[in-house]
Amino acid sequence: METIPALIAHQGGWDEILLVGGPIVLIIGVLALAKRRVDAQAAADDEAPAPKP
């Protein structure tokens, strides 16, 4: 059980980088996924034939 405090303790800065960088990378990934879905929907709407009046 002594390894747990060592993992939580200050590790020279890399742990702080993960605490800040992790959420940023996650948000970038979610935004990229949303943009891909929007672009795919826009392309599908462009390919669909126009409704006849």
PDB file of N, CA and C in Angstrom:
ATOM      1  N   MET A   1       0.811  -1.200   0.000  1.00  0.00           N
ATOM      2  CA  MET A   1       0.000   0.000   0.000  1.00  0.00           C
ATOM      3  C   MET A   1       0.851   1.260   0.000  1.00  0.00           C
ATOM      4  N   GLU A   2       2.138   1.135   0.084  1.00  0.00           N
ATOM      5  CA  GLU A   2       2.986   2.320   0.103  1.00  0.00           C
ATOM      6  C   GLU A   2       3.187   2.908  -1.284  1.00  0.00           C
ATOM      7  N   THR A   3       2.817   2.192  -2.339  1.00  0.00           N
ATOM      8  CA  THR A   3       2.974   2.729  -3.690  1.00  0.00           C
ATOM      9  C   THR A   3       1.883   3.749  -4.015  1.00  0.00           C
ATOM     10  N   ILE A   4       0.733   3.654  -3.364  1.00  0.00           N
ATOM     11  CA  ILE A   4      -0.359   4.594  -3.628  1.00  0.00           C
ATOM     12  C   ILE A   4       0.054   6.031  -3.281  1.00  0.00           C
ATOM     13  N   PRO A   5       0.581   6.315  -2.080  1.00  0.00           N
ATOM     14  CA  PRO A   5       1.007   7.692  -1.809  1.00  0.00           C
ATOM     15  C   PRO A   5       2.109   8.161  -2.757  1.00  0.00           C
ATOM     16  N   ALA A   6       2.964   7.243  -3.186  1.00  0.00           N
ATOM     17  CA  ALA A   6       4.025   7.631  -4.112  1.00  0.00           C
ATOM     18  C   ALA A   6       3.445   8.031  -5.462  1.00  0.00           C
ATOM     19  N   LEU A   7       2.365   7.407  -5.867  1.00  0.00           N
ATOM     20  CA  LEU A   7       1.731   7.759  -7.137  1.00  0.00           C
ATOM     21  C   LEU A   7       0.965   9.072  -7.038  1.00  0.00           C
ATOM     22  N   ILE A   8       0.427   9.353  -5.863  1.00  0.00           N
ATOM     23  CA  ILE A   8      -0.354  10.573  -5.677  1.00  0.00           C
ATOM     24  C   ILE A   8       0.556  11.768  -5.403  1.00  0.00           C
ATOM     25  N   ALA A   9       1.716  11.513  -4.836  1.00  0.00           N
ATOM     26  CA  ALA A   9       2.638  12.590  -4.478  1.00  0.00           C
ATOM     27  C   ALA A   9       3.197  13.264  -5.723  1.00  0.00           C
ATOM     28  N   HIS A  10       3.819  14.390  -5.508  1.00  0.00           N
ATOM     29  CA  HIS A  10       4.412  15.166  -6.602  1.00  0.00           C
ATOM     30  C   HIS A  10       5.437  14.317  -7.339  1.00  0.00           C
ATOM     31  N   GLN A  11       5.311  14.235  -8.647  1.00  0.00           N
ATOM     32  CA  GLN A  11       6.160  13.367  -9.453  1.00  0.00           C
ATOM     33  C   GLN A  11       7.042  14.155 -10.410  1.00  0.00           C
ATOM     34  N   GLY A  12       7.410  15.352 -10.087  1.00  0.00           N
ATOM     35  CA  GLY A  12       8.304  16.112 -10.938  1.00  0.00           C
ATOM     36  C   GLY A  12       7.606  16.919 -12.013  1.00  0.00           C
ATOM     37  N   GLY A  13       6.303  17.016 -11.972  1.00  0.00           N
ATOM     38  CA  GLY A  13       5.586  17.859 -12.907  1.00  0.00           C
ATOM     39  C   GLY A  13       4.761  17.124 -13.940  1.00  0.00           C
ATOM     40  N   TRP A  14       5.093  15.867 -14.232  1.00  0.00           N
ATOM     41  CA  TRP A  14       4.353  15.174 -15.276  1.00  0.00           C
ATOM     42  C   TRP A  14       2.916  14.902 -14.858  1.00  0.00           C
ATOM     43  N   ASP A  15       2.675  14.728 -13.563  1.00  0.00           N
ATOM     44  CA  ASP A  15       1.305  14.474 -13.117  1.00  0.00           C
ATOM     45  C   ASP A  15       0.429  15.712 -13.270  1.00  0.00           C
ATOM     46  N   GLU A  16       1.005  16.896 -13.052  1.00  0.00           N
ATOM     47  CA  GLU A  16       0.241  18.118 -13.266  1.00  0.00           C
ATOM     48  C   GLU A  16      -0.057  18.317 -14.744  1.00  0.00           C
ATOM     49  N   ILE A  17       0.869  17.942 -15.580  1.00  0.00           N
ATOM     50  CA  ILE A  17       0.643  18.032 -17.029  1.00  0.00           C
ATOM     51  C   ILE A  17      -0.529  17.147 -17.433  1.00  0.00           C
ATOM     52  N   LEU A  18      -0.603  15.948 -16.864  1.00  0.00           N
ATOM     53  CA  LEU A  18      -1.718  15.055 -17.177  1.00  0.00           C
ATOM     54  C   LEU A  18      -3.045  15.611 -16.659  1.00  0.00           C
ATOM     55  N   LEU A  19      -3.016  16.238 -15.483  1.00  0.00           N
ATOM     56  CA  LEU A  19      -4.252  16.792 -14.925  1.00  0.00           C
ATOM     57  C   LEU A  19      -4.789  17.940 -15.765  1.00  0.00           C
ATOM     58  N   VAL A  20      -3.917  18.680 -16.411  1.00  0.00           N
ATOM     59  CA  VAL A  20      -4.348  19.787 -17.263  1.00  0.00           C
ATOM     60  C   VAL A  20      -4.527  19.313 -18.701  1.00  0.00           C
ATOM     61  N   GLY A  21      -3.576  18.552 -19.195  1.00  0.00           N
ATOM     62  CA  GLY A  21      -3.600  18.128 -20.598  1.00  0.00           C
ATOM     63  C   GLY A  21      -4.653  17.088 -20.903  1.00  0.00           C
ATOM     64  N   GLY A  22      -4.947  16.219 -19.954  1.00  0.00           N
ATOM     65  CA  GLY A  22      -5.938  15.170 -20.176  1.00  0.00           C
ATOM     66  C   GLY A  22      -7.302  15.714 -20.575  1.00  0.00           C
ATOM     67  N   PRO A  23      -7.872  16.599 -19.777  1.00  0.00           N
ATOM     68  CA  PRO A  23      -9.171  17.172 -20.152  1.00  0.00           C
ATOM     69  C   PRO A  23      -9.123  17.967 -21.454  1.00  0.00           C
ATOM     70  N   ILE A  24      -8.006  18.652 -21.707  1.00  0.00           N
ATOM     71  CA  ILE A  24      -7.891  19.413 -22.952  1.00  0.00           C
ATOM     72  C   ILE A  24      -7.924  18.467 -24.148  1.00  0.00           C
ATOM     73  N   VAL A  25      -7.181  17.374 -24.068  1.00  0.00           N
ATOM     74  CA  VAL A  25      -7.171  16.390 -25.152  1.00  0.00           C
ATOM     75  C   VAL A  25      -8.556  15.773 -25.315  1.00  0.00           C
ATOM     76  N   LEU A  26      -9.230  15.504 -24.217  1.00  0.00           N
ATOM     77  CA  LEU A  26     -10.582  14.944 -24.275  1.00  0.00           C
ATOM     78  C   LEU A  26     -11.551  15.909 -24.961  1.00  0.00           C
ATOM     79  N   ILE A  27     -11.486  17.174 -24.621  1.00  0.00           N
ATOM     80  CA  ILE A  27     -12.370  18.177 -25.234  1.00  0.00           C
ATOM     81  C   ILE A  27     -12.073  18.310 -26.720  1.00  0.00           C
ATOM     82  N   ILE A  28     -10.794  18.314 -27.093  1.00  0.00           N
ATOM     83  CA  ILE A  28     -10.431  18.387 -28.511  1.00  0.00           C
ATOM     84  C   ILE A  28     -10.986  17.182 -29.258  1.00  0.00           C
ATOM     85  N   GLY A  29     -10.904  16.005 -28.663  1.00  0.00           N
ATOM     86  CA  GLY A  29     -11.442  14.804 -29.293  1.00  0.00           C
ATOM     87  C   GLY A  29     -12.948  14.867 -29.489  1.00  0.00           C
ATOM     88  N   VAL A  30     -13.661  15.345 -28.474  1.00  0.00           N
ATOM     89  CA  VAL A  30     -15.120  15.450 -28.578  1.00  0.00           C
ATOM     90  C   VAL A  30     -15.506  16.489 -29.636  1.00  0.00           C
ATOM     91  N   LEU A  31     -14.786  17.606 -29.680  1.00  0.00           N
ATOM     92  CA  LEU A  31     -15.080  18.621 -30.694  1.00  0.00           C
ATOM     93  C   LEU A  31     -14.788  18.104 -32.103  1.00  0.00           C
ATOM     94  N   ALA A  32     -13.713  17.333 -32.266  1.00  0.00           N
ATOM     95  CA  ALA A  32     -13.398  16.761 -33.573  1.00  0.00           C
ATOM     96  C   ALA A  32     -14.480  15.772 -34.008  1.00  0.00           C
ATOM     97  N   LEU A  33     -14.960  14.972 -33.069  1.00  0.00           N
ATOM     98  CA  LEU A  33     -16.033  14.030 -33.379  1.00  0.00           C
ATOM     99  C   LEU A  33     -17.312  14.770 -33.775  1.00  0.00           C
ATOM    100  N   ALA A  34     -17.651  15.828 -33.053  1.00  0.00           N
ATOM    101  CA  ALA A  34     -18.846  16.602 -33.375  1.00  0.00           C
ATOM    102  C   ALA A  34     -18.712  17.253 -34.750  1.00  0.00           C
ATOM    103  N   LYS A  35     -17.530  17.794 -35.060  1.00  0.00           N
ATOM    104  CA  LYS A  35     -17.321  18.419 -36.372  1.00  0.00           C
ATOM    105  C   LYS A  35     -17.444  17.390 -37.485  1.00  0.00           C
ATOM    106  N   ARG A  36     -16.902  16.208 -37.270  1.00  0.00           N
ATOM    107  CA  ARG A  36     -17.002  15.148 -38.280  1.00  0.00           C
ATOM    108  C   ARG A  36     -18.462  14.785 -38.537  1.00  0.00           C
ATOM    109  N   ARG A  37     -19.251  14.714 -37.466  1.00  0.00           N
ATOM    110  CA  ARG A  37     -20.676  14.383 -37.622  1.00  0.00           C
ATOM    111  C   ARG A  37     -21.432  15.493 -38.351  1.00  0.00           C
ATOM    112  N   VAL A  38     -21.124  16.748 -38.020  1.00  0.00           N
ATOM    113  CA  VAL A  38     -21.784  17.876 -38.682  1.00  0.00           C
ATOM    114  C   VAL A  38     -21.416  17.901 -40.160  1.00  0.00           C
ATOM    115  N   ASP A  39     -20.139  17.703 -40.473  1.00  0.00           N
ATOM    116  CA  ASP A  39     -19.707  17.689 -41.871  1.00  0.00           C
ATOM    117  C   ASP A  39     -20.360  16.538 -42.645  1.00  0.00           C
ATOM    118  N   ALA A  40     -20.481  15.377 -42.014  1.00  0.00           N
ATOM    119  CA  ALA A  40     -21.120  14.243 -42.673  1.00  0.00           C
ATOM    120  C   ALA A  40     -22.599  14.520 -42.920  1.00  0.00           C
ATOM    121  N   GLN A  41     -23.261  15.148 -41.955  1.00  0.00           N
ATOM    122  CA  GLN A  41     -24.680  15.481 -42.125  1.00  0.00           C
ATOM    123  C   GLN A  41     -24.857  16.519 -43.221  1.00  0.00           C
ATOM    124  N   ALA A  42     -23.971  17.502 -43.291  1.00  0.00           N
ATOM    125  CA  ALA A  42     -24.057  18.532 -44.330  1.00  0.00           C
ATOM    126  C   ALA A  42     -23.829  17.915 -45.709  1.00  0.00           C
ATOM    127  N   ALA A  43     -22.898  16.980 -45.803  1.00  0.00           N
ATOM    128  CA  ALA A  43     -22.649  16.309 -47.076  1.00  0.00           C
ATOM    129  C   ALA A  43     -23.853  15.465 -47.484  1.00  0.00           C
ATOM    130  N   ALA A  44     -24.479  14.814 -46.526  1.00  0.00           N
ATOM    131  CA  ALA A  44     -25.658  14.004 -46.828  1.00  0.00           C
ATOM    132  C   ALA A  44     -26.818  14.893 -47.268  1.00  0.00           C
ATOM    133  N   ASP A  45     -26.966  16.052 -46.642  1.00  0.00           N
ATOM    134  CA  ASP A  45     -28.019  16.981 -47.039  1.00  0.00           C
ATOM    135  C   ASP A  45     -27.782  17.535 -48.440  1.00  0.00           C
ATOM    136  N   ASP A  46     -26.522  17.752 -48.801  1.00  0.00           N
ATOM    137  CA  ASP A  46     -26.197  18.256 -50.137  1.00  0.00           C
ATOM    138  C   ASP A  46     -26.469  17.227 -51.209  1.00  0.00           C
ATOM    139  N   GLU A  47     -26.305  15.947 -50.880  1.00  0.00           N
ATOM    140  CA  GLU A  47     -26.502  14.880 -51.875  1.00  0.00           C
ATOM    141  C   GLU A  47     -27.967  14.493 -52.040  1.00  0.00           C
ATOM    142  N   ALA A  48     -28.772  14.815 -51.077  1.00  0.00           N
ATOM    143  CA  ALA A  48     -30.192  14.446 -51.132  1.00  0.00           C
ATOM    144  C   ALA A  48     -30.886  15.273 -52.215  1.00  0.00           C
ATOM    145  N   PRO A  49     -31.766  14.651 -52.986  1.00  0.00           N
ATOM    146  CA  PRO A  49     -32.478  15.403 -54.014  1.00  0.00           C
ATOM    147  C   PRO A  49     -33.446  16.397 -53.383  1.00  0.00           C
ATOM    148  N   ALA A  50     -33.625  17.508 -54.064  1.00  0.00           N
ATOM    149  CA  ALA A  50     -34.533  18.534 -53.571  1.00  0.00           C
ATOM    150  C   ALA A  50     -35.977  18.030 -53.673  1.00  0.00           C
ATOM    151  N   PRO A  51     -36.785  18.297 -52.655  1.00  0.00           N
ATOM    152  CA  PRO A  51     -38.184  17.846 -52.704  1.00  0.00           C
ATOM    153  C   PRO A  51     -38.954  18.602 -53.799  1.00  0.00           C
ATOM    154  N   LYS A  52     -39.828  17.892 -54.474  1.00  0.00           N
ATOM    155  CA  LYS A  52     -40.633  18.506 -55.532  1.00  0.00           C
ATOM    156  C   LYS A  52     -41.853  19.168 -54.900  1.00  0.00           C
ATOM    157  N   PRO A  53     -42.185  20.366 -55.360  1.00  0.00           N
ATOM    158  CA  PRO A  53     -43.348  21.077 -54.779  1.00  0.00           C
ATOM    159  C   PRO A  53     -44.659  20.489 -55.222  1.00  0.00           C
TER     160      PRO A  53
END
